[in-house]
């Protein structure tokens, strides 16, 4: 693992102060809140480099004049990727005849290109951008601390077997494997609902069937509201949900209006196709899906148990940052004319 300049400086300073690589590891755990620490040999190597060279930076590579063949390859690849920036290295190899490793080296070291994933968004329909701007303007009319009293909710599916990215799925073996991996066409999954605010987490709630207006309303009454009324200042909270069909049903909208009054952000205010504005979508689900498969669950019961454990581990200070980010996203809407916001 490579460590950035700030981390290397921390290692050197602590080693000078504590005079022990083992104590540096303990200080690392306390500072970075992690059990994983630099190896003792890594700590000693960084310290020795500082003593001998007066810097924690890597020694710059010696510059040699590139060969004529590499220059020619660089020029061909530069022209090719300027025209087709989504071309894979494998296809570039087939077109140019340049080896895979050389193409990868030239792209990174000579052309200073990096592979970026394209963001996928719900396609905005005509008028959606204005509705997103209207929502941002509406929220600005609320009291300054409204985002600190905002409850955002949503549902998401968690698959028992996480989706496989076949492009990155490799097995390092001495010979080609002959065994096959069978996967079900439609794997088992669980539907999870949650509501979060800066100070509260309600959930996870597991739906045993597809969500409709009836079981969604039943969940709000018998799970969410029974918990929310025990919260301090529960009457001061604003409630936000997207415009999924069960959410927009008249019986659901009427119930939430009866509980939150003008603090319910109803279907007329929430802009359609805007997951980048819902804290559950732009933070919660991705955060949890990075964690619930370690250890890998073997049954739906184990998956649910992992989800419950990870919900309990969500740091409250992280939720504060999430809702500050929500405000920043609303401010950015004006800059982008109501279109989708790049992930921050």
Protein backbone atom coordinates (compact mmCIF):
# COMPACT_ATOMS: atom_id res chain seq x y z
CA UNK A 1 0.00 0.00 0.00
CA UNK A 2 1.27 3.47 -0.88
CA UNK A 3 1.00 6.25 1.69
CA UNK A 4 0.52 9.91 0.84
CA UNK A 5 2.79 12.71 2.02
CA UNK A 6 0.64 13.57 5.04
CA UNK A 7 0.66 9.95 6.24
CA UNK A 8 4.44 9.63 5.76
CA UNK A 9 5.04 12.85 7.70
CA UNK A 10 2.84 11.45 10.50
CA UNK A 11 4.97 8.27 10.59
CA UNK A 12 8.24 10.20 10.78
CA UNK A 13 7.02 12.66 13.41
CA UNK A 14 5.63 9.89 15.62
CA UNK A 15 8.79 7.82 15.25
CA UNK A 16 10.94 10.77 16.31
CA UNK A 17 8.61 11.40 19.25
CA UNK A 18 8.02 7.79 20.36
CA UNK A 19 11.28 6.17 19.17
CA UNK A 20 9.45 2.91 18.41
CA UNK A 21 7.89 1.53 15.24
CA UNK A 22 5.40 -0.49 17.31
CA UNK A 23 4.23 2.64 19.13
CA UNK A 24 3.88 4.36 15.75
CA UNK A 25 1.46 1.60 14.76
CA UNK A 26 -0.59 2.23 17.91
CA UNK A 27 -0.62 5.98 17.21
CA UNK A 28 -1.71 5.23 13.65
CA UNK A 29 -4.71 3.23 14.86
CA UNK A 30 -5.76 6.07 17.16
CA UNK A 31 -5.30 8.78 14.52
CA UNK A 32 -6.85 7.08 11.49
CA UNK A 33 -9.45 4.94 13.33
CA UNK A 34 -8.42 1.71 11.63
CA UNK A 35 -6.96 -1.65 12.64
CA UNK A 36 -4.81 -1.79 9.51
CA UNK A 37 -1.43 -0.16 10.05
CA UNK A 38 1.79 0.20 8.07
CA UNK A 39 4.12 -2.79 8.45
CA UNK A 40 7.08 -2.32 10.78
CA UNK A 41 9.50 -2.58 7.84
CA UNK A 42 7.53 0.10 5.96
CA UNK A 43 7.74 2.47 8.93
CA UNK A 44 11.48 1.90 9.23
CA UNK A 45 12.02 2.38 5.51
CA UNK A 46 10.15 5.72 5.50
CA UNK A 47 12.07 6.92 8.56
CA UNK A 48 15.40 5.84 7.08
CA UNK A 49 14.61 7.61 3.82
CA UNK A 50 13.90 10.79 5.75
CA UNK A 51 17.18 10.49 7.68
CA UNK A 52 19.27 9.88 4.58
CA UNK A 53 17.59 12.27 2.13
CA UNK A 54 15.73 14.77 4.33
CA UNK A 55 12.43 14.07 2.59
CA UNK A 56 9.61 11.53 2.72
CA UNK A 57 8.99 11.80 -1.02
CA UNK A 58 9.88 8.97 -3.39
CA UNK A 59 13.08 9.36 -5.31
CA UNK A 60 12.18 10.69 -8.76
CA UNK A 61 12.89 8.23 -11.56
CA UNK A 62 15.87 8.88 -13.75
CA UNK A 63 14.78 10.47 -17.02
CA UNK A 64 15.98 8.77 -20.16
CA UNK A 65 15.30 9.81 -23.71
CA UNK A 66 12.47 7.67 -25.12
CA UNK A 67 13.26 5.51 -28.11
CA UNK A 68 12.01 6.43 -31.56
CA UNK A 69 9.69 3.42 -31.48
CA UNK A 70 8.08 4.56 -28.22
CA UNK A 71 7.66 8.11 -29.54
CA UNK A 72 5.94 6.72 -32.63
CA UNK A 73 3.68 4.54 -30.47
CA UNK A 74 2.88 7.50 -28.22
CA UNK A 75 1.85 9.65 -31.19
CA UNK A 76 -0.36 6.90 -32.64
CA UNK A 77 -2.07 6.30 -29.31
CA UNK A 78 -2.53 10.00 -28.63
CA UNK A 79 -4.36 10.44 -31.95
CA UNK A 80 -6.39 7.25 -31.40
CA UNK A 81 -7.59 8.09 -27.89
CA UNK A 82 -8.26 11.71 -28.76
CA UNK A 83 -10.83 10.46 -31.27
CA UNK A 84 -12.07 7.45 -29.26
CA UNK A 85 -11.64 8.21 -25.55
CA UNK A 86 -13.77 5.22 -24.52
CA UNK A 87 -11.62 2.68 -26.35
CA UNK A 88 -10.42 -0.28 -24.30
CA UNK A 89 -6.72 -1.16 -24.15
CA UNK A 90 -7.52 -4.55 -25.67
CA UNK A 91 -9.16 -2.94 -28.71
CA UNK A 92 -6.35 -0.40 -29.00
CA UNK A 93 -3.91 -3.30 -29.09
CA UNK A 94 -5.87 -4.95 -31.92
CA UNK A 95 -5.91 -1.70 -33.92
CA UNK A 96 -2.29 -0.66 -33.43
CA UNK A 97 -0.43 -3.91 -32.83
CA UNK A 98 1.23 -2.34 -29.79
CA UNK A 99 1.50 -4.64 -26.77
CA UNK A 100 -1.01 -4.35 -23.94
CA UNK A 101 1.62 -3.41 -21.36
CA UNK A 102 3.20 -0.75 -23.58
CA UNK A 103 -0.18 0.85 -24.28
CA UNK A 104 -0.97 0.92 -20.55
CA UNK A 105 2.45 2.44 -19.78
CA UNK A 106 2.18 5.13 -22.48
CA UNK A 107 -1.35 6.13 -21.47
CA UNK A 108 -0.36 6.59 -17.82
CA UNK A 109 3.27 7.74 -17.97
CA UNK A 110 3.56 9.58 -21.28
CA UNK A 111 0.06 10.88 -21.97
CA UNK A 112 -0.92 11.20 -18.28
CA UNK A 113 -4.37 9.75 -18.90
CA UNK A 114 -6.49 8.06 -16.25
CA UNK A 115 -9.43 5.66 -16.66
CA UNK A 116 -12.62 7.31 -15.45
CA UNK A 117 -16.01 5.69 -15.11
CA UNK A 118 -18.93 7.47 -16.71
CA UNK A 119 -21.64 8.54 -14.29
CA UNK A 120 -25.10 7.26 -15.09
CA UNK A 121 -28.11 9.35 -14.13
CA UNK A 122 -31.84 9.16 -14.49
CA UNK A 123 -32.50 10.93 -17.77
CA UNK A 124 -34.12 14.28 -17.07
CA UNK A 125 -37.27 15.05 -18.99
CA UNK A 126 -38.26 18.51 -20.27
CA UNK A 127 -39.06 20.75 -17.31
CA UNK A 128 -37.22 18.59 -14.74
CA UNK A 129 -34.31 21.00 -14.49
CA UNK A 130 -36.66 23.84 -13.53
CA UNK A 131 -38.38 21.65 -10.92
CA UNK A 132 -34.98 20.90 -9.41
CA UNK A 133 -34.20 24.62 -9.28
CA UNK A 134 -37.62 25.28 -7.74
CA UNK A 135 -36.91 22.70 -5.03
CA UNK A 136 -33.59 24.35 -4.21
CA UNK A 137 -35.33 27.72 -4.00
CA UNK A 138 -38.08 26.25 -1.81
CA UNK A 139 -35.54 24.80 0.61
CA UNK A 140 -33.78 28.15 0.86
CA UNK A 141 -37.04 29.66 2.16
CA UNK A 142 -36.97 27.27 5.13
CA UNK A 143 -35.20 28.18 8.41
CA UNK A 144 -31.39 28.05 8.24
CA UNK A 145 -31.21 24.89 10.35
CA UNK A 146 -33.78 22.97 8.28
CA UNK A 147 -31.16 20.59 6.86
CA UNK A 148 -30.21 19.64 10.43
CA UNK A 149 -33.81 18.56 11.05
CA UNK A 150 -34.35 16.83 7.71
CA UNK A 151 -35.41 13.18 7.61
CA UNK A 152 -34.67 11.59 4.23
CA UNK A 153 -35.93 8.09 3.42
CA UNK A 154 -35.70 5.58 0.60
CA UNK A 155 -35.70 1.85 -0.28
CA UNK A 156 -33.00 -0.21 -1.98
CA UNK A 157 -32.42 -3.83 -2.93
CA UNK A 158 -29.43 -5.77 -1.57
CA UNK A 159 -28.53 -8.90 -3.53
CA UNK A 160 -27.41 -12.00 -1.66
CA UNK A 161 -24.77 -12.49 -4.35
CA UNK A 162 -23.32 -9.08 -5.27
CA UNK A 163 -23.20 -8.28 -9.01
CA UNK A 164 -19.99 -9.41 -10.70
CA UNK A 165 -18.00 -7.04 -12.88
CA UNK A 166 -16.82 -9.55 -15.50
CA UNK A 167 -14.20 -7.12 -16.82
CA UNK A 168 -12.40 -7.19 -13.47
CA UNK A 169 -13.22 -10.78 -12.48
CA UNK A 170 -9.94 -12.72 -12.82
CA UNK A 171 -8.46 -15.88 -11.31
CA UNK A 172 -4.68 -16.18 -11.08
CA UNK A 173 -3.94 -19.88 -11.68
CA UNK A 174 -1.16 -22.02 -13.19
CA UNK A 175 -3.50 -23.33 -15.91
CA UNK A 176 -6.87 -22.48 -17.38
CA UNK A 177 -9.66 -23.59 -15.01
CA UNK A 178 -12.10 -26.23 -16.20
CA UNK A 179 -14.69 -25.78 -13.47
CA UNK A 180 -17.69 -23.58 -14.08
CA UNK A 181 -19.43 -21.20 -11.71
CA UNK A 182 -23.21 -21.43 -11.84
CA UNK A 183 -25.24 -18.40 -10.85
CA UNK A 184 -29.01 -18.11 -10.67
CA UNK A 185 -30.66 -15.96 -13.33
CA UNK A 186 -32.60 -14.09 -10.67
CA UNK A 187 -30.69 -14.14 -7.40
CA UNK A 188 -32.17 -13.77 -3.96
CA UNK A 189 -32.35 -10.24 -2.62
CA UNK A 190 -33.83 -8.23 0.19
CA UNK A 191 -35.61 -4.87 0.03
CA UNK A 192 -34.49 -2.42 2.72
CA UNK A 193 -36.08 0.85 3.85
CA UNK A 194 -34.39 3.45 6.00
CA UNK A 195 -34.75 7.07 7.06
CA UNK A 196 -31.77 9.15 8.17
CA UNK A 197 -31.16 12.59 9.60
CA UNK A 198 -28.14 14.21 11.17
CA UNK A 199 -29.06 12.70 14.56
CA UNK A 200 -31.40 9.79 13.81
CA UNK A 201 -31.39 6.52 11.91
CA UNK A 202 -34.66 4.62 11.50
CA UNK A 203 -34.05 1.20 10.08
CA UNK A 204 -33.26 -1.02 8.53
CA UNK A 205 -36.80 -2.17 7.83
CA UNK A 206 -37.06 -5.25 5.61
CA UNK A 207 -39.98 -5.63 3.21
CA UNK A 208 -40.85 -9.26 2.55
CA UNK A 209 -42.65 -8.40 -0.68
CA UNK A 210 -42.76 -5.69 -3.31
CA UNK A 211 -43.57 -2.30 -1.82
CA UNK A 212 -47.05 -0.94 -2.46
CA UNK A 213 -49.07 1.86 -0.91
CA UNK A 214 -50.60 -0.46 1.67
CA UNK A 215 -47.53 -2.12 3.15
CA UNK A 216 -45.60 1.14 2.86
CA UNK A 217 -48.24 2.99 4.89
CA UNK A 218 -48.32 0.12 7.39
CA UNK A 219 -44.54 0.44 7.82
CA UNK A 220 -44.81 4.21 8.35
CA UNK A 221 -47.47 3.78 11.03
CA UNK A 222 -46.18 0.76 12.92
CA UNK A 223 -42.43 1.07 12.51
CA UNK A 224 -41.29 4.57 11.60
CA UNK A 225 -43.74 6.78 13.47
CA UNK A 226 -43.68 4.70 16.65
CA UNK A 227 -39.94 5.25 16.78
CA UNK A 228 -39.99 8.87 15.69
CA UNK A 229 -42.37 10.10 18.40
CA UNK A 230 -39.75 9.09 20.99
CA UNK A 231 -37.14 11.42 19.44
CA UNK A 232 -36.40 14.75 21.04
CA UNK A 233 -38.20 17.62 19.25
CA UNK A 234 -39.82 15.09 16.89
CA UNK A 235 -42.40 17.69 15.81
CA UNK A 236 -39.67 19.96 14.39
CA UNK A 237 -38.45 17.51 11.74
CA UNK A 238 -39.00 17.82 7.99
CA UNK A 239 -39.74 14.61 6.08
CA UNK A 240 -38.45 13.92 2.57
CA UNK A 241 -39.13 11.00 0.23
CA UNK A 242 -38.89 10.57 -3.52
CA UNK A 243 -41.82 10.19 -5.89
CA UNK A 244 -41.91 6.40 -6.13
CA UNK A 245 -45.44 5.19 -6.77
CA UNK A 246 -46.10 3.87 -3.22
CA UNK A 247 -44.89 7.20 -1.81
CA UNK A 248 -47.21 9.34 -3.93
CA UNK A 249 -50.39 7.41 -3.14
CA UNK A 250 -53.07 9.67 -1.69
CA UNK A 251 -53.41 7.65 1.52
CA UNK A 252 -49.64 7.91 2.13
CA UNK A 253 -49.45 11.61 1.34
CA UNK A 254 -52.45 12.35 3.58
CA UNK A 255 -50.95 10.37 6.47
CA UNK A 256 -47.60 12.13 6.31
CA UNK A 257 -49.29 15.54 6.05
CA UNK A 258 -51.32 14.70 9.17
CA UNK A 259 -48.11 13.93 11.07
CA UNK A 260 -45.67 16.54 9.75
CA UNK A 261 -47.99 19.27 8.52
CA UNK A 262 -46.15 21.91 6.44
CA UNK A 263 -42.88 20.14 7.30
CA UNK A 264 -43.73 17.28 4.96
CA UNK A 265 -42.03 17.77 1.59
CA UNK A 266 -44.84 16.34 -0.53
CA UNK A 267 -44.88 15.10 -4.12
CA UNK A 268 -45.57 18.59 -5.48
CA UNK A 269 -42.24 19.87 -4.10
CA UNK A 270 -39.83 16.96 -4.61
CA UNK A 271 -38.32 17.04 -8.12
CA UNK A 272 -38.61 13.83 -10.18
CA UNK A 273 -35.59 11.77 -11.25
CA UNK A 274 -33.33 13.34 -8.59
CA UNK A 275 -31.46 10.62 -6.66
CA UNK A 276 -28.45 12.96 -6.55
CA UNK A 277 -30.42 15.14 -4.10
CA UNK A 278 -31.60 12.39 -1.72
CA UNK A 279 -29.00 11.61 1.01
CA UNK A 280 -30.05 7.96 0.99
CA UNK A 281 -29.22 7.69 -2.71
CA UNK A 282 -26.06 9.78 -2.94
CA UNK A 283 -24.57 8.43 0.30
CA UNK A 284 -26.28 5.70 2.31
CA UNK A 285 -26.84 2.84 -0.12
CA UNK A 286 -23.40 3.00 -1.71
CA UNK A 287 -21.75 3.26 1.71
CA UNK A 288 -23.57 0.17 2.99
CA UNK A 289 -23.11 -1.96 -0.13
CA UNK A 290 -19.36 -1.48 0.19
CA UNK A 291 -19.50 -3.08 3.64
CA UNK A 292 -22.28 -5.65 4.03
CA UNK A 293 -20.48 -8.34 2.00
CA UNK A 294 -17.60 -8.66 4.45
CA UNK A 295 -17.95 -11.37 5.61
CA UNK A 296 -19.80 -12.71 2.57
CA UNK A 297 -23.31 -13.79 3.62
CA UNK A 298 -24.48 -17.26 2.63
CA UNK A 299 -28.19 -16.78 3.35
CA UNK A 300 -30.69 -13.93 3.32
CA UNK A 301 -30.75 -14.11 7.12
CA UNK A 302 -26.99 -13.52 7.23
CA UNK A 303 -27.30 -10.68 4.71
CA UNK A 304 -29.94 -9.02 6.89
CA UNK A 305 -27.73 -9.48 9.93
CA UNK A 306 -24.79 -7.83 8.12
CA UNK A 307 -27.01 -4.92 7.07
CA UNK A 308 -28.21 -4.40 10.64
CA UNK A 309 -24.64 -4.46 11.96
CA UNK A 310 -23.42 -1.92 9.41
CA UNK A 311 -26.34 0.42 10.14
CA UNK A 312 -25.28 0.50 13.78
CA UNK A 313 -21.70 1.35 12.81
CA UNK A 314 -22.55 4.48 10.78
CA UNK A 315 -20.69 7.35 12.51
CA UNK A 316 -22.95 10.22 13.54
CA UNK A 317 -20.31 12.76 12.49
CA UNK A 318 -20.50 11.25 9.01
CA UNK A 319 -24.24 11.95 8.91
CA UNK A 320 -23.52 15.58 9.78
CA UNK A 321 -21.21 15.79 6.76
CA UNK A 322 -23.86 14.15 4.56
CA UNK A 323 -26.47 16.79 5.31
CA UNK A 324 -23.95 19.59 4.86
CA UNK A 325 -23.24 18.02 1.48
CA UNK A 326 -26.98 18.08 0.78
CA UNK A 327 -26.93 21.87 1.17
CA UNK A 328 -23.92 22.15 -1.13
CA UNK A 329 -25.72 20.15 -3.79
CA UNK A 330 -28.69 22.50 -3.68
CA UNK A 331 -26.33 25.45 -4.11
CA UNK A 332 -24.64 23.73 -7.08
CA UNK A 333 -27.96 23.31 -8.84
CA UNK A 334 -27.98 26.98 -9.76
CA UNK A 335 -24.48 26.71 -11.26
CA UNK A 336 -25.45 23.77 -13.47
CA UNK A 337 -28.85 25.15 -14.45
CA UNK A 338 -30.78 22.40 -12.67
CA UNK A 339 -29.04 19.48 -14.39
CA UNK A 340 -27.47 16.54 -12.57
CA UNK A 341 -24.69 17.28 -10.12
CA UNK A 342 -21.33 15.57 -10.40
CA UNK A 343 -20.71 13.33 -7.42
CA UNK A 344 -18.82 15.28 -4.74
